[in-house]
């Protein structure tokens, strides 16, 4: 179990994406980073909150992903909000490009994690939720929480 945890370590998560979007399909992608960015991500200094991805010239770029500058990096630090290229197969890029071309769909990074020592990004094709959809999902989550709480109380006796 510990070996599994070492190979798959979550570094940053975009919780807002699950609230704002219906997640249709997810992909695992590598990301093109500079050494100081990797060190900063390993320290947990990455933020995916308002980030998105876009397809340009057959390549996918993550925009608005903030990686804080590494304190010891001095001249090697890059712009924290620069666009970073994602590494995917051509067939996956074509599928994501088709999703992005449809009305209401966007490409959203869900999480940054380490897999076998390499930084990976979980990217999803997502459809935006309306306000009433968000309210419904919140009610459903509250109901599930109440059921779990009730079952936990019953198991004590």
N, C-alpha and C. Protein backbone atom coordinates (compact mmCIF):
# COMPACT_ATOMS: atom_id res chain seq x y z
N UNK A 1 0.83 -1.20 0.00
CA UNK A 1 0.00 0.00 0.00
C UNK A 1 0.87 1.26 0.00
N UNK A 2 1.94 1.26 0.80
CA UNK A 2 2.79 2.45 0.84
C UNK A 2 3.51 2.64 -0.49
N UNK A 3 3.86 1.51 -1.15
CA UNK A 3 4.50 1.60 -2.45
C UNK A 3 3.55 2.26 -3.45
N UNK A 4 2.28 1.93 -3.37
CA UNK A 4 1.26 2.54 -4.24
C UNK A 4 1.16 4.05 -3.99
N UNK A 5 1.20 4.45 -2.71
CA UNK A 5 1.12 5.87 -2.37
C UNK A 5 2.34 6.63 -2.86
N UNK A 6 3.51 6.00 -2.82
CA UNK A 6 4.73 6.66 -3.26
C UNK A 6 4.70 6.90 -4.77
N UNK A 7 4.09 5.98 -5.53
CA UNK A 7 4.06 6.11 -6.98
C UNK A 7 3.01 7.11 -7.44
N UNK A 8 2.00 7.38 -6.61
CA UNK A 8 0.90 8.25 -7.01
C UNK A 8 0.65 9.24 -5.88
N UNK A 9 1.26 10.44 -5.97
CA UNK A 9 1.13 11.43 -4.91
C UNK A 9 0.48 12.69 -5.47
N UNK A 10 -0.68 13.05 -4.94
CA UNK A 10 -1.41 14.22 -5.41
C UNK A 10 -0.75 15.49 -4.88
N UNK A 11 -0.48 16.45 -5.78
CA UNK A 11 0.22 17.67 -5.41
C UNK A 11 -0.69 18.89 -5.39
N UNK A 12 -1.65 18.95 -6.32
CA UNK A 12 -2.59 20.07 -6.38
C UNK A 12 -3.89 19.55 -7.00
N UNK A 13 -5.00 20.16 -6.59
CA UNK A 13 -6.30 19.71 -7.07
C UNK A 13 -7.18 20.91 -7.40
N UNK A 14 -8.00 20.76 -8.42
CA UNK A 14 -8.92 21.81 -8.83
C UNK A 14 -10.33 21.41 -8.39
N UNK A 15 -10.65 21.66 -7.12
CA UNK A 15 -11.95 21.27 -6.58
C UNK A 15 -13.08 22.07 -7.19
N UNK A 16 -12.78 23.29 -7.58
CA UNK A 16 -13.79 24.15 -8.18
C UNK A 16 -14.33 23.57 -9.48
N UNK A 17 -13.50 22.82 -10.19
CA UNK A 17 -13.91 22.23 -11.47
C UNK A 17 -15.05 21.25 -11.27
N UNK A 18 -15.01 20.47 -10.19
CA UNK A 18 -16.08 19.50 -9.94
C UNK A 18 -17.38 20.19 -9.57
N UNK A 19 -17.28 21.39 -9.02
CA UNK A 19 -18.47 22.16 -8.66
C UNK A 19 -19.06 22.87 -9.88
N UNK A 20 -18.22 23.35 -10.77
CA UNK A 20 -18.67 24.18 -11.88
C UNK A 20 -18.95 23.41 -13.17
N UNK A 21 -18.49 22.16 -13.28
CA UNK A 21 -18.59 21.44 -14.55
C UNK A 21 -19.07 20.00 -14.35
N UNK A 22 -19.71 19.46 -15.39
CA UNK A 22 -19.95 18.03 -15.50
C UNK A 22 -18.73 17.46 -16.20
N UNK A 23 -18.04 16.52 -15.58
CA UNK A 23 -16.82 15.95 -16.15
C UNK A 23 -17.23 14.82 -17.10
N UNK A 24 -16.92 14.97 -18.39
CA UNK A 24 -17.30 13.98 -19.40
C UNK A 24 -16.24 12.89 -19.55
N UNK A 25 -15.00 13.30 -19.79
CA UNK A 25 -13.93 12.34 -20.06
C UNK A 25 -12.62 12.91 -19.52
N UNK A 26 -11.80 12.06 -18.91
CA UNK A 26 -10.53 12.53 -18.36
C UNK A 26 -9.36 11.84 -19.05
N UNK A 27 -8.25 12.54 -19.11
CA UNK A 27 -7.02 12.04 -19.71
C UNK A 27 -5.86 12.36 -18.78
N UNK A 28 -4.85 11.51 -18.84
CA UNK A 28 -3.61 11.76 -18.11
C UNK A 28 -2.60 12.32 -19.11
N UNK A 29 -1.98 13.43 -18.75
CA UNK A 29 -1.02 14.06 -19.66
C UNK A 29 0.25 14.41 -18.90
N UNK A 30 1.35 14.33 -19.60
CA UNK A 30 2.60 14.86 -19.07
C UNK A 30 2.59 16.36 -19.27
N UNK A 31 3.48 17.06 -18.61
CA UNK A 31 3.52 18.51 -18.73
C UNK A 31 4.98 18.94 -18.89
N UNK A 32 5.19 19.91 -19.76
CA UNK A 32 6.53 20.41 -20.04
C UNK A 32 6.87 21.49 -19.00
N UNK A 33 7.83 21.18 -18.13
CA UNK A 33 8.19 22.09 -17.04
C UNK A 33 9.69 22.35 -17.03
N UNK A 34 10.07 23.42 -16.34
CA UNK A 34 11.47 23.74 -16.08
C UNK A 34 11.81 23.19 -14.70
N UNK A 35 13.09 22.92 -14.43
CA UNK A 35 13.50 22.30 -13.17
C UNK A 35 13.02 23.00 -11.93
N UNK A 36 13.08 24.33 -11.91
CA UNK A 36 12.65 25.05 -10.71
C UNK A 36 11.14 24.93 -10.51
N UNK A 37 10.38 24.79 -11.60
CA UNK A 37 8.93 24.61 -11.49
C UNK A 37 8.61 23.26 -10.86
N UNK A 38 9.37 22.23 -11.22
CA UNK A 38 9.16 20.90 -10.64
C UNK A 38 9.42 20.95 -9.14
N UNK A 39 10.49 21.62 -8.74
CA UNK A 39 10.81 21.73 -7.31
C UNK A 39 9.71 22.46 -6.57
N UNK A 40 9.18 23.52 -7.17
CA UNK A 40 8.11 24.29 -6.55
C UNK A 40 6.83 23.46 -6.44
N UNK A 41 6.51 22.69 -7.47
CA UNK A 41 5.32 21.84 -7.44
C UNK A 41 5.45 20.77 -6.37
N UNK A 42 6.63 20.20 -6.24
CA UNK A 42 6.86 19.18 -5.21
C UNK A 42 6.65 19.75 -3.81
N UNK A 43 6.89 21.05 -3.65
CA UNK A 43 6.65 21.71 -2.36
C UNK A 43 5.18 22.09 -2.18
N UNK A 44 4.36 21.83 -3.18
CA UNK A 44 2.92 22.12 -3.09
C UNK A 44 2.59 23.56 -3.42
N UNK A 45 3.39 24.22 -4.21
CA UNK A 45 3.18 25.64 -4.53
C UNK A 45 2.52 25.84 -5.89
N UNK A 46 1.57 24.97 -6.24
CA UNK A 46 0.86 25.10 -7.52
C UNK A 46 -0.62 25.35 -7.25
N UNK A 47 -1.25 26.11 -8.14
CA UNK A 47 -2.66 26.43 -7.99
C UNK A 47 -3.35 26.25 -9.35
N UNK A 48 -4.39 25.43 -9.37
CA UNK A 48 -5.13 25.14 -10.61
C UNK A 48 -6.49 25.82 -10.64
N UNK A 49 -6.76 26.70 -9.70
CA UNK A 49 -8.12 27.21 -9.48
C UNK A 49 -8.81 27.74 -10.74
N UNK A 50 -8.25 28.68 -11.45
CA UNK A 50 -8.90 29.27 -12.62
C UNK A 50 -8.23 28.85 -13.92
N UNK A 51 -7.56 27.72 -13.91
CA UNK A 51 -6.82 27.31 -15.10
C UNK A 51 -7.73 26.59 -16.10
N UNK A 52 -7.29 26.60 -17.34
CA UNK A 52 -8.01 25.94 -18.43
C UNK A 52 -6.98 25.52 -19.46
N UNK A 53 -7.42 24.72 -20.43
CA UNK A 53 -6.51 24.28 -21.48
C UNK A 53 -7.12 24.65 -22.83
N UNK A 54 -6.25 24.88 -23.80
CA UNK A 54 -6.73 25.17 -25.15
C UNK A 54 -5.83 24.49 -26.17
N UNK A 55 -6.44 24.16 -27.31
CA UNK A 55 -5.71 23.48 -28.38
C UNK A 55 -5.28 24.52 -29.40
N UNK A 56 -3.98 24.53 -29.73
CA UNK A 56 -3.44 25.44 -30.74
C UNK A 56 -2.43 24.69 -31.59
N UNK A 57 -2.63 24.72 -32.91
CA UNK A 57 -1.69 24.10 -33.86
C UNK A 57 -1.40 22.63 -33.53
N UNK A 58 -2.41 21.89 -33.13
CA UNK A 58 -2.22 20.48 -32.83
C UNK A 58 -1.54 20.19 -31.51
N UNK A 59 -1.41 21.19 -30.65
CA UNK A 59 -0.82 21.01 -29.32
C UNK A 59 -1.76 21.59 -28.28
N UNK A 60 -1.69 21.06 -27.07
CA UNK A 60 -2.55 21.54 -25.99
C UNK A 60 -1.69 22.29 -24.98
N UNK A 61 -2.16 23.47 -24.58
CA UNK A 61 -1.48 24.30 -23.61
C UNK A 61 -2.38 24.55 -22.41
N UNK A 62 -1.79 24.53 -21.22
CA UNK A 62 -2.51 24.89 -20.00
C UNK A 62 -2.26 26.37 -19.75
N UNK A 63 -3.33 27.12 -19.57
CA UNK A 63 -3.24 28.55 -19.33
C UNK A 63 -3.72 28.85 -17.91
N UNK A 64 -3.16 29.89 -17.33
CA UNK A 64 -3.60 30.40 -16.03
C UNK A 64 -3.27 29.47 -14.86
N UNK A 65 -2.41 28.48 -15.04
CA UNK A 65 -1.99 27.63 -13.94
C UNK A 65 -0.83 28.34 -13.24
N UNK A 66 -1.00 28.61 -11.95
CA UNK A 66 0.00 29.38 -11.21
C UNK A 66 0.95 28.43 -10.47
N UNK A 67 2.23 28.54 -10.79
CA UNK A 67 3.27 27.81 -10.06
C UNK A 67 4.19 28.87 -9.47
N UNK A 68 4.18 28.97 -8.16
CA UNK A 68 4.98 29.99 -7.48
C UNK A 68 6.46 29.80 -7.77
N UNK A 69 7.22 30.90 -7.86
CA UNK A 69 8.66 30.78 -8.10
C UNK A 69 9.34 30.05 -6.94
N UNK A 70 10.31 29.23 -7.27
CA UNK A 70 11.09 28.49 -6.28
C UNK A 70 12.04 29.47 -5.59
N UNK A 71 12.05 29.46 -4.26
CA UNK A 71 12.83 30.45 -3.49
C UNK A 71 14.32 30.39 -3.78
N UNK A 72 14.85 29.20 -4.01
CA UNK A 72 16.28 29.04 -4.23
C UNK A 72 16.64 29.11 -5.72
N UNK A 73 15.67 29.41 -6.58
CA UNK A 73 15.87 29.30 -8.01
C UNK A 73 16.52 30.50 -8.66
N UNK A 74 16.54 31.64 -8.03
CA UNK A 74 17.07 32.92 -8.52
C UNK A 74 16.84 33.15 -10.02
N UNK A 75 17.86 33.11 -10.85
CA UNK A 75 17.73 33.48 -12.25
C UNK A 75 17.02 32.42 -13.10
N UNK A 76 16.87 31.21 -12.57
CA UNK A 76 16.26 30.13 -13.35
C UNK A 76 14.74 30.10 -13.25
N UNK A 77 14.15 30.94 -12.39
CA UNK A 77 12.70 30.97 -12.25
C UNK A 77 12.05 31.54 -13.51
N UNK A 78 10.88 31.00 -13.83
CA UNK A 78 10.12 31.46 -14.99
C UNK A 78 8.88 32.20 -14.49
N UNK A 79 8.13 32.80 -15.43
CA UNK A 79 6.89 33.49 -15.11
C UNK A 79 5.90 32.49 -14.49
N UNK A 80 5.31 32.81 -13.33
CA UNK A 80 4.41 31.87 -12.66
C UNK A 80 3.16 31.52 -13.46
N UNK A 81 2.70 32.41 -14.33
CA UNK A 81 1.47 32.16 -15.07
C UNK A 81 1.71 31.80 -16.55
N UNK A 82 2.93 31.44 -16.90
CA UNK A 82 3.21 31.16 -18.31
C UNK A 82 2.43 29.94 -18.79
N UNK A 83 2.21 29.88 -20.10
CA UNK A 83 1.51 28.72 -20.67
C UNK A 83 2.47 27.55 -20.73
N UNK A 84 1.95 26.37 -20.38
CA UNK A 84 2.78 25.17 -20.38
C UNK A 84 2.17 24.13 -21.31
N UNK A 85 3.00 23.49 -22.10
CA UNK A 85 2.52 22.53 -23.08
C UNK A 85 2.25 21.19 -22.40
N UNK A 86 1.14 20.55 -22.79
CA UNK A 86 0.82 19.21 -22.30
C UNK A 86 1.29 18.19 -23.31
N UNK A 87 1.70 17.04 -22.82
CA UNK A 87 2.23 15.97 -23.67
C UNK A 87 1.20 14.86 -23.76
N UNK A 88 0.56 14.75 -24.92
CA UNK A 88 -0.47 13.74 -25.18
C UNK A 88 -0.24 13.12 -26.55
N UNK A 89 -0.86 11.97 -26.79
CA UNK A 89 -0.83 11.36 -28.11
C UNK A 89 -1.71 12.16 -29.06
N UNK A 90 -1.41 12.10 -30.34
CA UNK A 90 -2.17 12.85 -31.35
C UNK A 90 -3.65 12.49 -31.34
N UNK A 91 -3.98 11.21 -31.15
CA UNK A 91 -5.38 10.79 -31.14
C UNK A 91 -6.12 11.41 -29.96
N UNK A 92 -5.46 11.50 -28.80
CA UNK A 92 -6.07 12.11 -27.62
C UNK A 92 -6.26 13.61 -27.85
N UNK A 93 -5.29 14.25 -28.48
CA UNK A 93 -5.41 15.68 -28.76
C UNK A 93 -6.58 15.93 -29.70
N UNK A 94 -6.74 15.06 -30.72
CA UNK A 94 -7.87 15.22 -31.65
C UNK A 94 -9.21 15.08 -30.94
N UNK A 95 -9.32 14.10 -30.02
CA UNK A 95 -10.56 13.92 -29.27
C UNK A 95 -10.87 15.15 -28.42
N UNK A 96 -9.85 15.65 -27.74
CA UNK A 96 -10.04 16.84 -26.90
C UNK A 96 -10.37 18.06 -27.74
N UNK A 97 -9.78 18.15 -28.93
CA UNK A 97 -10.08 19.26 -29.82
C UNK A 97 -11.54 19.22 -30.28
N UNK A 98 -12.06 18.02 -30.54
CA UNK A 98 -13.47 17.87 -30.91
C UNK A 98 -14.38 18.32 -29.78
N UNK A 99 -14.03 17.93 -28.54
CA UNK A 99 -14.82 18.37 -27.39
C UNK A 99 -14.81 19.89 -27.27
N UNK A 100 -13.62 20.48 -27.40
CA UNK A 100 -13.48 21.93 -27.22
C UNK A 100 -14.24 22.69 -28.30
N UNK A 101 -14.40 22.10 -29.48
CA UNK A 101 -15.11 22.77 -30.57
C UNK A 101 -16.62 22.79 -30.34
N UNK A 102 -17.12 21.86 -29.53
CA UNK A 102 -18.56 21.81 -29.24
C UNK A 102 -18.94 22.95 -28.31
N UNK A 103 -20.15 23.42 -28.49
CA UNK A 103 -20.63 24.53 -27.66
C UNK A 103 -20.85 24.06 -26.21
N UNK A 104 -20.37 24.83 -25.26
CA UNK A 104 -20.57 24.52 -23.85
C UNK A 104 -19.48 23.68 -23.23
N UNK A 105 -18.55 23.15 -24.02
CA UNK A 105 -17.48 22.32 -23.50
C UNK A 105 -16.20 23.12 -23.36
N UNK A 106 -15.42 22.75 -22.35
CA UNK A 106 -14.12 23.35 -22.14
C UNK A 106 -13.16 22.28 -21.64
N UNK A 107 -11.87 22.54 -21.73
CA UNK A 107 -10.86 21.62 -21.24
C UNK A 107 -10.33 22.16 -19.92
N UNK A 108 -10.44 21.36 -18.87
CA UNK A 108 -10.10 21.81 -17.52
C UNK A 108 -9.10 20.86 -16.88
N UNK A 109 -7.98 21.36 -16.35
CA UNK A 109 -7.09 20.50 -15.57
C UNK A 109 -7.70 20.22 -14.20
N UNK A 110 -7.75 18.95 -13.81
CA UNK A 110 -8.37 18.56 -12.55
C UNK A 110 -7.36 18.43 -11.42
N UNK A 111 -6.18 17.89 -11.71
CA UNK A 111 -5.20 17.73 -10.64
C UNK A 111 -3.79 17.60 -11.21
N UNK A 112 -2.84 17.90 -10.35
CA UNK A 112 -1.41 17.68 -10.62
C UNK A 112 -0.96 16.61 -9.64
N UNK A 113 -0.23 15.61 -10.14
CA UNK A 113 0.23 14.56 -9.25
C UNK A 113 1.54 13.98 -9.76
N UNK A 114 2.23 13.30 -8.86
CA UNK A 114 3.47 12.61 -9.21
C UNK A 114 3.14 11.16 -9.50
N UNK A 115 3.64 10.66 -10.61
CA UNK A 115 3.47 9.25 -10.95
C UNK A 115 4.83 8.74 -11.37
N UNK A 116 5.38 7.83 -10.57
CA UNK A 116 6.72 7.28 -10.81
C UNK A 116 7.76 8.39 -10.95
N UNK A 117 7.65 9.43 -10.14
CA UNK A 117 8.63 10.51 -10.12
C UNK A 117 8.42 11.59 -11.16
N UNK A 118 7.39 11.49 -11.98
CA UNK A 118 7.13 12.50 -13.01
C UNK A 118 5.82 13.23 -12.71
N UNK A 119 5.80 14.52 -13.01
CA UNK A 119 4.60 15.32 -12.77
C UNK A 119 3.62 15.07 -13.90
N UNK A 120 2.39 14.72 -13.55
CA UNK A 120 1.33 14.46 -14.52
C UNK A 120 0.16 15.38 -14.23
N UNK A 121 -0.67 15.62 -15.26
CA UNK A 121 -1.87 16.44 -15.13
C UNK A 121 -3.05 15.60 -15.55
N UNK A 122 -4.10 15.59 -14.74
CA UNK A 122 -5.36 14.98 -15.16
C UNK A 122 -6.17 16.08 -15.81
N UNK A 123 -6.47 15.93 -17.09
CA UNK A 123 -7.21 16.95 -17.83
C UNK A 123 -8.54 16.35 -18.26
N UNK A 124 -9.60 17.16 -18.21
CA UNK A 124 -10.94 16.66 -18.51
C UNK A 124 -11.64 17.52 -19.54
N UNK A 125 -12.46 16.86 -20.34
CA UNK A 125 -13.40 17.56 -21.20
C UNK A 125 -14.65 17.74 -20.34
N UNK A 126 -15.04 18.99 -20.11
CA UNK A 126 -16.11 19.27 -19.16
C UNK A 126 -17.16 20.18 -19.77
N UNK A 127 -18.39 19.98 -19.33
CA UNK A 127 -19.51 20.81 -19.78
C UNK A 127 -19.96 21.66 -18.60
N UNK A 128 -20.13 22.95 -18.82
CA UNK A 128 -20.48 23.87 -17.74
C UNK A 128 -21.84 23.57 -17.13
N UNK A 129 -21.91 23.70 -15.81
CA UNK A 129 -23.17 23.51 -15.10
C UNK A 129 -23.93 24.83 -15.04
N UNK A 130 -25.23 24.73 -15.07
CA UNK A 130 -26.09 25.89 -14.84
C UNK A 130 -26.23 26.05 -13.32
N UNK A 131 -26.79 27.18 -12.90
CA UNK A 131 -26.93 27.43 -11.46
C UNK A 131 -27.78 26.37 -10.79
N UNK A 132 -28.89 25.97 -11.43
CA UNK A 132 -29.77 24.99 -10.82
C UNK A 132 -29.12 23.61 -10.75
N UNK A 133 -28.21 23.29 -11.67
CA UNK A 133 -27.46 22.04 -11.59
C UNK A 133 -26.55 22.03 -10.37
N UNK A 134 -25.91 23.18 -10.11
CA UNK A 134 -25.02 23.29 -8.95
C UNK A 134 -25.82 23.11 -7.67
N UNK A 135 -27.01 23.73 -7.63
CA UNK A 135 -27.85 23.63 -6.45
C UNK A 135 -28.30 22.19 -6.23
N UNK A 136 -28.65 21.49 -7.31
CA UNK A 136 -29.06 20.08 -7.21
C UNK A 136 -27.92 19.21 -6.68
N UNK A 137 -26.71 19.44 -7.20
CA UNK A 137 -25.58 18.62 -6.74
C UNK A 137 -25.25 18.92 -5.28
N UNK A 138 -25.43 20.17 -4.84
CA UNK A 138 -25.19 20.49 -3.43
C UNK A 138 -26.22 19.81 -2.54
N UNK A 139 -27.49 19.80 -2.97
CA UNK A 139 -28.53 19.11 -2.20
C UNK A 139 -28.26 17.61 -2.12
N UNK A 140 -27.83 17.04 -3.22
CA UNK A 140 -27.52 15.61 -3.25
C UNK A 140 -26.35 15.29 -2.31
N UNK A 141 -25.34 16.14 -2.32
CA UNK A 141 -24.18 15.94 -1.45
C UNK A 141 -24.59 16.04 0.02
N UNK A 142 -25.44 17.03 0.35
CA UNK A 142 -25.92 17.17 1.73
C UNK A 142 -26.73 15.96 2.17
N UNK A 143 -27.59 15.44 1.27
CA UNK A 143 -28.39 14.26 1.59
C UNK A 143 -27.50 13.05 1.84
N UNK A 144 -26.49 12.86 1.00
CA UNK A 144 -25.56 11.74 1.20
C UNK A 144 -24.80 11.87 2.50
N UNK A 145 -24.41 13.09 2.84
CA UNK A 145 -23.71 13.33 4.10
C UNK A 145 -24.60 13.00 5.29
N UNK A 146 -25.88 13.38 5.21
CA UNK A 146 -26.82 13.09 6.30
C UNK A 146 -27.04 11.59 6.45
N UNK A 147 -27.12 10.88 5.32
CA UNK A 147 -27.30 9.43 5.37
C UNK A 147 -26.09 8.77 6.01
N UNK A 148 -24.89 9.19 5.59
CA UNK A 148 -23.66 8.64 6.16
C UNK A 148 -23.59 8.90 7.66
N UNK A 149 -23.95 10.10 8.08
CA UNK A 149 -23.93 10.46 9.49
C UNK A 149 -24.91 9.58 10.27
N UNK A 150 -26.09 9.36 9.70
CA UNK A 150 -27.11 8.55 10.36
C UNK A 150 -26.64 7.10 10.47
N UNK A 151 -26.05 6.56 9.41
CA UNK A 151 -25.55 5.19 9.44
C UNK A 151 -24.40 5.04 10.45
N UNK A 152 -23.57 6.06 10.56
CA UNK A 152 -22.46 6.02 11.50
C UNK A 152 -22.98 6.01 12.94
N UNK A 153 -24.02 6.80 13.22
CA UNK A 153 -24.62 6.84 14.55
C UNK A 153 -25.27 5.49 14.88
N UNK A 154 -25.92 4.86 13.91
CA UNK A 154 -26.57 3.56 14.14
C UNK A 154 -25.54 2.48 14.40
N UNK A 155 -24.38 2.57 13.76
CA UNK A 155 -23.36 1.53 13.94
C UNK A 155 -22.71 1.59 15.31
N UNK A 156 -22.82 2.73 15.99
CA UNK A 156 -22.23 2.85 17.33
C UNK A 156 -23.00 2.03 18.35
N UNK A 157 -24.28 1.84 18.16
CA UNK A 157 -25.12 1.17 19.16
C UNK A 157 -25.24 -0.30 18.96
